């Protein structure tokens, strides 16, 4: 059963998304906001030299997403 979820982002404001799960709602907005690709060696060198650090996700699953307003 789908619901309408209110997804808020710090960059682009608020969004209303009809989806079956909150994860689907977030994924739709993320897909519109971000582009993802494997980092090249040049990307890594540039970003690290400008103070950015590699962020790491360890053993994450969809069930582990902590979304405000949703009980685990």
PDB file of N, CA and C in Angstrom:
ATOM      1  N   UNK A   1       0.838  -1.182   0.000  1.00  0.00           N
ATOM      2  CA  UNK A   1       0.000   0.000   0.000  1.00  0.00           C
ATOM      3  C   UNK A   1       0.882   1.244   0.000  1.00  0.00           C
ATOM      4  N   UNK A   2       0.634   2.145  -0.896  1.00  0.00           N
ATOM      5  CA  UNK A   2       1.455   3.347  -0.952  1.00  0.00           C
ATOM      6  C   UNK A   2       0.909   4.411  -0.009  1.00  0.00           C
ATOM      7  N   UNK A   3       1.819   5.267   0.406  1.00  0.00           N
ATOM      8  CA  UNK A   3       1.510   6.425   1.248  1.00  0.00           C
ATOM      9  C   UNK A   3       2.168   7.625   0.613  1.00  0.00           C
ATOM     10  N   UNK A   4       1.771   8.789   1.055  1.00  0.00           N
ATOM     11  CA  UNK A   4       2.474  10.005   0.634  1.00  0.00           C
ATOM     12  C   UNK A   4       3.414  10.379   1.762  1.00  0.00           C
ATOM     13  N   UNK A   5       4.692  10.426   1.439  1.00  0.00           N
ATOM     14  CA  UNK A   5       5.722  10.775   2.414  1.00  0.00           C
ATOM     15  C   UNK A   5       6.182  12.207   2.200  1.00  0.00           C
ATOM     16  N   UNK A   6       6.473  12.884   3.289  1.00  0.00           N
ATOM     17  CA  UNK A   6       7.049  14.231   3.262  1.00  0.00           C
ATOM     18  C   UNK A   6       8.550  14.064   3.444  1.00  0.00           C
ATOM     19  N   UNK A   7       9.316  14.380   2.411  1.00  0.00           N
ATOM     20  CA  UNK A   7      10.769  14.250   2.461  1.00  0.00           C
ATOM     21  C   UNK A   7      11.348  15.651   2.456  1.00  0.00           C
ATOM     22  N   UNK A   8      12.126  15.984   3.473  1.00  0.00           N
ATOM     23  CA  UNK A   8      12.754  17.300   3.507  1.00  0.00           C
ATOM     24  C   UNK A   8      14.256  17.154   3.336  1.00  0.00           C
ATOM     25  N   UNK A   9      14.821  18.091   2.610  1.00  0.00           N
ATOM     26  CA  UNK A   9      16.267  18.086   2.383  1.00  0.00           C
ATOM     27  C   UNK A   9      16.822  19.454   2.720  1.00  0.00           C
ATOM     28  N   UNK A  10      18.068  19.477   3.136  1.00  0.00           N
ATOM     29  CA  UNK A  10      18.680  20.747   3.515  1.00  0.00           C
ATOM     30  C   UNK A  10      18.964  21.620   2.299  1.00  0.00           C
ATOM     31  N   UNK A  11      19.099  21.021   1.108  1.00  0.00           N
ATOM     32  CA  UNK A  11      19.437  21.782  -0.090  1.00  0.00           C
ATOM     33  C   UNK A  11      18.226  22.239  -0.896  1.00  0.00           C
ATOM     34  N   UNK A  12      17.265  21.345  -1.083  1.00  0.00           N
ATOM     35  CA  UNK A  12      16.171  21.634  -2.013  1.00  0.00           C
ATOM     36  C   UNK A  12      14.800  21.717  -1.374  1.00  0.00           C
ATOM     37  N   UNK A  13      14.713  21.894  -0.074  1.00  0.00           N
ATOM     38  CA  UNK A  13      13.420  22.083   0.553  1.00  0.00           C
ATOM     39  C   UNK A  13      12.639  20.808   0.787  1.00  0.00           C
ATOM     40  N   UNK A  14      11.314  20.903   0.600  1.00  0.00           N
ATOM     41  CA  UNK A  14      10.402  19.828   0.939  1.00  0.00           C
ATOM     42  C   UNK A  14       9.829  19.168  -0.302  1.00  0.00           C
ATOM     43  N   UNK A  15       9.540  17.883  -0.173  1.00  0.00           N
ATOM     44  CA  UNK A  15       9.028  17.095  -1.292  1.00  0.00           C
ATOM     45  C   UNK A  15       7.921  16.185  -0.778  1.00  0.00           C
ATOM     46  N   UNK A  16       6.883  16.008  -1.582  1.00  0.00           N
ATOM     47  CA  UNK A  16       5.851  15.022  -1.302  1.00  0.00           C
ATOM     48  C   UNK A  16       6.024  13.889  -2.296  1.00  0.00           C
ATOM     49  N   UNK A  17       6.140  12.663  -1.788  1.00  0.00           N
ATOM     50  CA  UNK A  17       6.420  11.517  -2.649  1.00  0.00           C
ATOM     51  C   UNK A  17       5.459  10.385  -2.310  1.00  0.00           C
ATOM     52  N   UNK A  18       4.765   9.863  -3.316  1.00  0.00           N
ATOM     53  CA  UNK A  18       3.934   8.676  -3.111  1.00  0.00           C
ATOM     54  C   UNK A  18       4.830   7.454  -3.334  1.00  0.00           C
ATOM     55  N   UNK A  19       4.929   6.607  -2.296  1.00  0.00           N
ATOM     56  CA  UNK A  19       5.795   5.430  -2.361  1.00  0.00           C
ATOM     57  C   UNK A  19       5.272   4.376  -1.395  1.00  0.00           C
ATOM     58  N   UNK A  20       5.774   3.170  -1.551  1.00  0.00           N
ATOM     59  CA  UNK A  20       5.390   2.077  -0.655  1.00  0.00           C
ATOM     60  C   UNK A  20       6.152   2.105   0.660  1.00  0.00           C
ATOM     61  N   UNK A  21       7.370   2.643   0.646  1.00  0.00           N
ATOM     62  CA  UNK A  21       8.186   2.698   1.857  1.00  0.00           C
ATOM     63  C   UNK A  21       8.899   4.040   1.940  1.00  0.00           C
ATOM     64  N   UNK A  22       9.308   4.446   3.144  1.00  0.00           N
ATOM     65  CA  UNK A  22      10.067   5.689   3.261  1.00  0.00           C
ATOM     66  C   UNK A  22      11.405   5.612   2.522  1.00  0.00           C
ATOM     67  N   UNK A  23      11.990   4.406   2.465  1.00  0.00           N
ATOM     68  CA  UNK A  23      13.260   4.253   1.751  1.00  0.00           C
ATOM     69  C   UNK A  23      13.090   4.556   0.264  1.00  0.00           C
ATOM     70  N   UNK A  24      11.961   4.125  -0.324  1.00  0.00           N
ATOM     71  CA  UNK A  24      11.697   4.420  -1.729  1.00  0.00           C
ATOM     72  C   UNK A  24      11.530   5.922  -1.941  1.00  0.00           C
ATOM     73  N   UNK A  25      10.872   6.584  -1.013  1.00  0.00           N
ATOM     74  CA  UNK A  25      10.673   8.035  -1.124  1.00  0.00           C
ATOM     75  C   UNK A  25      12.011   8.771  -1.089  1.00  0.00           C
ATOM     76  N   UNK A  26      12.848   8.398  -0.141  1.00  0.00           N
ATOM     77  CA  UNK A  26      14.176   9.024  -0.042  1.00  0.00           C
ATOM     78  C   UNK A  26      15.010   8.716  -1.281  1.00  0.00           C
ATOM     79  N   UNK A  27      14.949   7.475  -1.756  1.00  0.00           N
ATOM     80  CA  UNK A  27      15.732   7.089  -2.931  1.00  0.00           C
ATOM     81  C   UNK A  27      15.339   7.903  -4.159  1.00  0.00           C
ATOM     82  N   UNK A  28      14.044   8.174  -4.325  1.00  0.00           N
ATOM     83  CA  UNK A  28      13.607   8.962  -5.468  1.00  0.00           C
ATOM     84  C   UNK A  28      14.180  10.378  -5.423  1.00  0.00           C
ATOM     85  N   UNK A  29      14.116  11.006  -4.268  1.00  0.00           N
ATOM     86  CA  UNK A  29      14.643  12.366  -4.134  1.00  0.00           C
ATOM     87  C   UNK A  29      16.158  12.359  -4.299  1.00  0.00           C
ATOM     88  N   UNK A  30      16.838  11.378  -3.709  1.00  0.00           N
ATOM     89  CA  UNK A  30      18.296  11.293  -3.839  1.00  0.00           C
ATOM     90  C   UNK A  30      18.699  11.124  -5.297  1.00  0.00           C
ATOM     91  N   UNK A  31      17.949  10.320  -6.037  1.00  0.00           N
ATOM     92  CA  UNK A  31      18.255  10.084  -7.453  1.00  0.00           C
ATOM     93  C   UNK A  31      18.159  11.380  -8.252  1.00  0.00           C
ATOM     94  N   UNK A  32      17.201  12.243  -7.861  1.00  0.00           N
ATOM     95  CA  UNK A  32      17.047  13.537  -8.537  1.00  0.00           C
ATOM     96  C   UNK A  32      18.138  14.526  -8.144  1.00  0.00           C
ATOM     97  N   UNK A  33      18.686  14.385  -6.939  1.00  0.00           N
ATOM     98  CA  UNK A  33      19.631  15.363  -6.407  1.00  0.00           C
ATOM     99  C   UNK A  33      21.096  15.018  -6.642  1.00  0.00           C
ATOM    100  N   UNK A  34      21.418  13.725  -6.761  1.00  0.00           N
ATOM    101  CA  UNK A  34      22.814  13.308  -6.802  1.00  0.00           C
ATOM    102  C   UNK A  34      23.109  12.446  -8.016  1.00  0.00           C
ATOM    103  N   UNK A  35      24.347  12.520  -8.450  1.00  0.00           N
ATOM    104  CA  UNK A  35      24.859  11.612  -9.472  1.00  0.00           C
ATOM    105  C   UNK A  35      26.006  10.848  -8.830  1.00  0.00           C
ATOM    106  N   UNK A  36      26.049   9.545  -9.029  1.00  0.00           N
ATOM    107  CA  UNK A  36      27.066   8.716  -8.397  1.00  0.00           C
ATOM    108  C   UNK A  36      27.821   7.927  -9.451  1.00  0.00           C
ATOM    109  N   UNK A  37      29.134   7.867  -9.303  1.00  0.00           N
ATOM    110  CA  UNK A  37      29.984   7.061 -10.164  1.00  0.00           C
ATOM    111  C   UNK A  37      31.186   6.638  -9.342  1.00  0.00           C
ATOM    112  N   UNK A  38      31.907   5.663  -9.816  1.00  0.00           N
ATOM    113  CA  UNK A  38      33.126   5.241  -9.140  1.00  0.00           C
ATOM    114  C   UNK A  38      34.149   6.362  -9.271  1.00  0.00           C
ATOM    115  N   UNK A  39      34.789   6.697  -8.167  1.00  0.00           N
ATOM    116  CA  UNK A  39      35.782   7.782  -8.167  1.00  0.00           C
ATOM    117  C   UNK A  39      37.031   7.358  -8.931  1.00  0.00           C
ATOM    118  N   UNK A  40      37.538   8.278  -9.753  1.00  0.00           N
ATOM    119  CA  UNK A  40      38.808   8.022 -10.434  1.00  0.00           C
ATOM    120  C   UNK A  40      39.951   8.331  -9.469  1.00  0.00           C
ATOM    121  N   UNK A  41      41.145   7.921  -9.835  1.00  0.00           N
ATOM    122  CA  UNK A  41      42.315   8.233  -9.009  1.00  0.00           C
ATOM    123  C   UNK A  41      42.479   9.747  -8.888  1.00  0.00           C
ATOM    124  N   UNK A  42      42.240  10.463  -9.980  1.00  0.00           N
ATOM    125  CA  UNK A  42      42.334  11.929  -9.940  1.00  0.00           C
ATOM    126  C   UNK A  42      41.295  12.530  -8.997  1.00  0.00           C
ATOM    127  N   UNK A  43      40.065  11.977  -9.002  1.00  0.00           N
ATOM    128  CA  UNK A  43      39.028  12.449  -8.073  1.00  0.00           C
ATOM    129  C   UNK A  43      39.496  12.306  -6.638  1.00  0.00           C
ATOM    130  N   UNK A  44      40.049  11.141  -6.317  1.00  0.00           N
ATOM    131  CA  UNK A  44      40.484  10.850  -4.953  1.00  0.00           C
ATOM    132  C   UNK A  44      41.597  11.790  -4.527  1.00  0.00           C
ATOM    133  N   UNK A  45      42.592  11.953  -5.375  1.00  0.00           N
ATOM    134  CA  UNK A  45      43.713  12.840  -5.059  1.00  0.00           C
ATOM    135  C   UNK A  45      43.216  14.268  -4.856  1.00  0.00           C
ATOM    136  N   UNK A  46      42.365  14.749  -5.753  1.00  0.00           N
ATOM    137  CA  UNK A  46      41.851  16.119  -5.674  1.00  0.00           C
ATOM    138  C   UNK A  46      41.063  16.330  -4.379  1.00  0.00           C
ATOM    139  N   UNK A  47      40.125  15.434  -4.110  1.00  0.00           N
ATOM    140  CA  UNK A  47      39.258  15.617  -2.939  1.00  0.00           C
ATOM    141  C   UNK A  47      40.030  15.527  -1.631  1.00  0.00           C
ATOM    142  N   UNK A  48      40.932  14.558  -1.527  1.00  0.00           N
ATOM    143  CA  UNK A  48      41.721  14.434  -0.296  1.00  0.00           C
ATOM    144  C   UNK A  48      42.641  15.638  -0.114  1.00  0.00           C
ATOM    145  N   UNK A  49      43.222  16.127  -1.201  1.00  0.00           N
ATOM    146  CA  UNK A  49      44.113  17.292  -1.096  1.00  0.00           C
ATOM    147  C   UNK A  49      43.343  18.563  -0.736  1.00  0.00           C
ATOM    148  N   UNK A  50      42.032  18.554  -0.903  1.00  0.00           N
ATOM    149  CA  UNK A  50      41.195  19.701  -0.532  1.00  0.00           C
ATOM    150  C   UNK A  50      40.464  19.462   0.795  1.00  0.00           C
ATOM    151  N   UNK A  51      40.952  18.504   1.582  1.00  0.00           N
ATOM    152  CA  UNK A  51      40.447  18.298   2.932  1.00  0.00           C
ATOM    153  C   UNK A  51      39.264  17.358   3.074  1.00  0.00           C
ATOM    154  N   UNK A  52      38.781  16.787   1.986  1.00  0.00           N
ATOM    155  CA  UNK A  52      37.665  15.838   2.091  1.00  0.00           C
ATOM    156  C   UNK A  52      38.183  14.465   2.469  1.00  0.00           C
ATOM    157  N   UNK A  53      37.437  13.780   3.330  1.00  0.00           N
ATOM    158  CA  UNK A  53      37.823  12.449   3.768  1.00  0.00           C
ATOM    159  C   UNK A  53      36.871  11.421   3.170  1.00  0.00           C
ATOM    160  N   UNK A  54      37.342  10.199   3.056  1.00  0.00           N
ATOM    161  CA  UNK A  54      36.513   9.109   2.568  1.00  0.00           C
ATOM    162  C   UNK A  54      35.564   8.704   3.691  1.00  0.00           C
ATOM    163  N   UNK A  55      34.268   8.709   3.393  1.00  0.00           N
ATOM    164  CA  UNK A  55      33.256   8.262   4.348  1.00  0.00           C
ATOM    165  C   UNK A  55      32.970   6.802   4.052  1.00  0.00           C
ATOM    166  N   UNK A  56      32.750   6.021   5.106  1.00  0.00           N
ATOM    167  CA  UNK A  56      32.615   4.581   4.913  1.00  0.00           C
ATOM    168  C   UNK A  56      31.318   4.064   5.516  1.00  0.00           C
ATOM    169  N   UNK A  57      30.635   3.222   4.768  1.00  0.00           N
ATOM    170  CA  UNK A  57      29.445   2.531   5.242  1.00  0.00           C
ATOM    171  C   UNK A  57      29.827   1.081   5.474  1.00  0.00           C
ATOM    172  N   UNK A  58      29.582   0.596   6.667  1.00  0.00           N
ATOM    173  CA  UNK A  58      29.941  -0.773   7.003  1.00  0.00           C
ATOM    174  C   UNK A  58      28.691  -1.605   7.216  1.00  0.00           C
ATOM    175  N   UNK A  59      28.504  -2.628   6.391  1.00  0.00           N
ATOM    176  CA  UNK A  59      27.416  -3.593   6.557  1.00  0.00           C
ATOM    177  C   UNK A  59      26.037  -2.960   6.679  1.00  0.00           C
ATOM    178  N   UNK A  60      25.757  -1.901   5.944  1.00  0.00           N
ATOM    179  CA  UNK A  60      24.452  -1.250   6.010  1.00  0.00           C
ATOM    180  C   UNK A  60      23.440  -1.990   5.157  1.00  0.00           C
ATOM    181  N   UNK A  61      22.222  -2.037   5.657  1.00  0.00           N
ATOM    182  CA  UNK A  61      21.115  -2.594   4.890  1.00  0.00           C
ATOM    183  C   UNK A  61      19.974  -1.596   4.909  1.00  0.00           C
ATOM    184  N   UNK A  62      19.001  -1.784   4.055  1.00  0.00           N
ATOM    185  CA  UNK A  62      17.854  -0.880   4.019  1.00  0.00           C
ATOM    186  C   UNK A  62      17.165  -0.810   5.380  1.00  0.00           C
ATOM    187  N   UNK A  63      17.089  -1.936   6.096  1.00  0.00           N
ATOM    188  CA  UNK A  63      16.421  -1.951   7.379  1.00  0.00           C
ATOM    189  C   UNK A  63      17.135  -1.105   8.424  1.00  0.00           C
ATOM    190  N   UNK A  64      18.433  -0.860   8.205  1.00  0.00           N
ATOM    191  CA  UNK A  64      19.208  -0.100   9.179  1.00  0.00           C
ATOM    192  C   UNK A  64      19.076   1.403   8.998  1.00  0.00           C
ATOM    193  N   UNK A  65      18.427   1.842   7.921  1.00  0.00           N
ATOM    194  CA  UNK A  65      18.268   3.269   7.724  1.00  0.00           C
ATOM    195  C   UNK A  65      17.427   3.838   8.852  1.00  0.00           C
ATOM    196  N   UNK A  66      17.903   4.897   9.480  1.00  0.00           N
ATOM    197  CA  UNK A  66      17.189   5.518  10.576  1.00  0.00           C
ATOM    198  C   UNK A  66      16.508   6.755  10.026  1.00  0.00           C
ATOM    199  N   UNK A  67      15.223   6.636   9.717  1.00  0.00           N
ATOM    200  CA  UNK A  67      14.478   7.742   9.149  1.00  0.00           C
ATOM    201  C   UNK A  67      13.578   8.348  10.209  1.00  0.00           C
ATOM    202  N   UNK A  68      13.628   9.677  10.351  1.00  0.00           N
ATOM    203  CA  UNK A  68      12.819  10.368  11.341  1.00  0.00           C
ATOM    204  C   UNK A  68      11.341  10.048  11.116  1.00  0.00           C
ATOM    205  N   UNK A  69      10.650   9.810  12.207  1.00  0.00           N
ATOM    206  CA  UNK A  69       9.224   9.559  12.132  1.00  0.00           C
ATOM    207  C   UNK A  69       8.835   8.131  11.865  1.00  0.00           C
ATOM    208  N   UNK A  70       9.791   7.247  11.641  1.00  0.00           N
ATOM    209  CA  UNK A  70       9.496   5.839  11.381  1.00  0.00           C
ATOM    210  C   UNK A  70      10.050   5.010  12.521  1.00  0.00           C
ATOM    211  N   UNK A  71       9.258   4.127  13.046  1.00  0.00           N
ATOM    212  CA  UNK A  71       9.742   3.240  14.103  1.00  0.00           C
ATOM    213  C   UNK A  71      10.481   2.062  13.502  1.00  0.00           C
ATOM    214  N   UNK A  72      11.454   1.569  14.214  1.00  0.00           N
ATOM    215  CA  UNK A  72      12.279   0.468  13.717  1.00  0.00           C
ATOM    216  C   UNK A  72      11.592  -0.856  13.860  1.00  0.00           C
TER     217      UNK A  72
END
